[in-house]
Protein backbone atom coordinates (compact mmCIF):
# COMPACT_ATOMS: atom_id res chain seq x y z
CA UNK A 1 90.80 -45.16 -55.38
CA UNK A 2 94.24 -46.65 -56.07
CA UNK A 3 93.14 -47.91 -59.50
CA UNK A 4 92.26 -44.39 -60.61
CA UNK A 5 95.45 -42.82 -59.29
CA UNK A 6 98.20 -45.37 -59.87
CA UNK A 7 100.94 -42.75 -59.44
CA UNK A 8 99.61 -41.83 -56.01
CA UNK A 9 97.84 -38.87 -54.50
CA UNK A 10 98.24 -36.35 -51.70
CA UNK A 11 95.42 -34.93 -49.62
CA UNK A 12 96.00 -31.87 -47.47
CA UNK A 13 93.61 -31.62 -44.57
CA UNK A 14 91.38 -33.80 -42.46
CA UNK A 15 88.21 -34.79 -44.26
CA UNK A 16 87.06 -37.52 -41.89
CA UNK A 17 83.86 -35.65 -40.98
CA UNK A 18 82.90 -35.34 -44.64
CA UNK A 19 83.93 -38.68 -46.13
CA UNK A 20 84.48 -40.91 -43.11
CA UNK A 21 87.63 -42.94 -42.57
CA UNK A 22 88.09 -43.91 -46.25
CA UNK A 23 91.04 -41.55 -46.78
CA UNK A 24 92.96 -42.77 -43.73
CA UNK A 25 92.16 -46.39 -44.55
CA UNK A 26 93.41 -46.08 -48.15
CA UNK A 27 96.44 -43.94 -47.36
CA UNK A 28 99.91 -45.45 -47.17
CA UNK A 29 101.14 -42.65 -44.91
CA UNK A 30 99.44 -40.06 -42.74
CA UNK A 31 101.58 -37.10 -41.70
CA UNK A 32 100.37 -34.90 -38.85
CA UNK A 33 102.12 -31.53 -39.01
CA UNK A 34 101.85 -30.34 -35.41
CA UNK A 35 103.96 -27.23 -34.83
CA UNK A 36 103.62 -25.57 -31.43
CA UNK A 37 100.99 -22.83 -31.25
CA UNK A 38 103.68 -20.37 -30.17
CA UNK A 39 105.63 -21.13 -33.34
CA UNK A 40 102.91 -20.68 -35.94
CA UNK A 41 100.51 -18.18 -34.37
CA UNK A 42 102.87 -15.17 -34.43
CA UNK A 43 103.71 -15.98 -38.05
CA UNK A 44 100.03 -16.24 -38.96
CA UNK A 45 99.29 -13.00 -37.13
CA UNK A 46 102.07 -11.11 -38.94
CA UNK A 47 101.10 -12.50 -42.37
CA UNK A 48 97.50 -11.43 -41.73
CA UNK A 49 98.59 -7.92 -40.74
CA UNK A 50 100.82 -7.71 -43.83
CA UNK A 51 97.95 -8.73 -46.13
CA UNK A 52 95.51 -6.26 -44.56
CA UNK A 53 98.10 -3.48 -44.85
CA UNK A 54 98.57 -4.33 -48.53
CA UNK A 55 102.25 -5.21 -48.05
CA UNK A 56 101.78 -8.77 -49.31
CA UNK A 57 99.23 -10.22 -51.74
CA UNK A 58 95.91 -11.63 -50.57
CA UNK A 59 95.64 -15.39 -50.17
CA UNK A 60 93.36 -15.63 -53.18
CA UNK A 61 91.85 -13.24 -55.70
CA UNK A 62 88.53 -11.97 -54.41
CA UNK A 63 89.38 -12.99 -50.84
CA UNK A 64 89.97 -9.53 -49.45
CA UNK A 65 90.65 -9.34 -45.72
CA UNK A 66 89.93 -6.46 -43.40
CA UNK A 67 90.62 -5.71 -39.75
CA UNK A 68 87.05 -6.45 -38.65
CA UNK A 69 86.89 -9.85 -40.35
CA UNK A 70 90.41 -10.92 -39.44
CA UNK A 71 90.55 -9.88 -35.78
CA UNK A 72 87.01 -9.38 -34.52
CA UNK A 73 85.02 -12.12 -36.23
CA UNK A 74 84.48 -15.71 -35.21
CA UNK A 75 84.90 -16.60 -38.91
CA UNK A 76 88.42 -15.15 -39.14
CA UNK A 77 91.63 -17.17 -39.37
CA UNK A 78 92.97 -15.70 -36.12
CA UNK A 79 89.97 -16.87 -34.08
CA UNK A 80 89.93 -20.21 -35.91
CA UNK A 81 93.53 -20.91 -34.91
CA UNK A 82 92.97 -19.89 -31.30
CA UNK A 83 89.87 -22.07 -30.93
CA UNK A 84 90.91 -25.06 -33.06
CA UNK A 85 94.51 -25.75 -32.08
CA UNK A 86 93.62 -27.79 -29.00
CA UNK A 87 90.64 -29.71 -30.50
CA UNK A 88 92.68 -30.65 -33.59
CA UNK A 89 95.53 -31.76 -31.36
CA UNK A 90 93.18 -33.93 -29.28
CA UNK A 91 91.62 -35.48 -32.40
CA UNK A 92 94.96 -36.30 -33.97
CA UNK A 93 96.36 -37.60 -30.68
CA UNK A 94 93.44 -40.03 -30.54
CA UNK A 95 94.21 -41.15 -34.11
CA UNK A 96 97.86 -41.67 -33.13
CA UNK A 97 96.77 -44.18 -30.49
CA UNK A 98 95.48 -46.39 -33.30
CA UNK A 99 97.62 -45.54 -36.31
CA UNK A 100 100.80 -44.06 -34.82
CA UNK A 101 104.02 -45.62 -36.12
CA UNK A 102 105.62 -47.49 -33.26
CA UNK A 103 102.92 -46.58 -30.74
CA UNK A 104 99.57 -47.40 -32.35
CA UNK A 105 97.44 -50.39 -31.49
CA UNK A 106 96.04 -50.92 -34.99
CA UNK A 107 97.51 -53.30 -37.53
CA UNK A 108 98.14 -50.45 -39.95
CA UNK A 109 100.51 -48.16 -38.13
CA UNK A 110 101.06 -45.44 -40.73
CA UNK A 111 100.64 -42.11 -38.95
CA UNK A 112 103.61 -39.94 -38.09
CA UNK A 113 103.53 -36.76 -35.99
CA UNK A 114 105.97 -34.02 -36.91
CA UNK A 115 105.95 -31.46 -34.14
CA UNK A 116 108.40 -29.34 -32.25
CA UNK A 117 110.34 -26.37 -33.53
CA UNK A 118 111.57 -27.95 -36.77
CA UNK A 119 114.13 -30.61 -35.89
CA UNK A 120 111.64 -33.49 -36.22
CA UNK A 121 110.65 -32.28 -39.68
CA UNK A 122 114.29 -31.92 -40.80
CA UNK A 123 115.14 -35.40 -39.50
CA UNK A 124 112.16 -36.94 -41.29
CA UNK A 125 112.90 -35.11 -44.56
CA UNK A 126 116.52 -36.31 -44.41
CA UNK A 127 115.32 -39.90 -43.97
CA UNK A 128 112.92 -39.55 -46.92
CA UNK A 129 115.71 -38.15 -49.11
CA UNK A 130 117.99 -41.02 -48.10
CA UNK A 131 115.26 -43.56 -48.85
CA UNK A 132 114.70 -41.96 -52.29
CA UNK A 133 118.43 -42.11 -53.08
CA UNK A 134 118.53 -45.80 -52.19
CA UNK A 135 115.37 -46.70 -54.13
């Protein structure tokens, strides 16, 4: 994988079920963005309402949303967030026990959790900017 992408690569999402642990094993860093449910759910809800009302563009051409699909379907983003927040948190917490920087038991501690209301993310971004300046 590294040979084909010598400048690096970024993967957004968790593909462990589809491709196994190869992505985590090859990655140099794993960032778990873990905002509180109460932070992101109201934002998601409002963005969904705005798209359905036609006040903001759809997520993708041909991906039209409607009230029924968004709010009353088990396939909608609202239901997905409600039912997947806790399972995703449990899965990533388990990964942190092995790969978590400073807390993991595995030799390759490369996973970082960025949670909270934004201060952890700002602190981490500041440290990355400082590291880039000093490189």
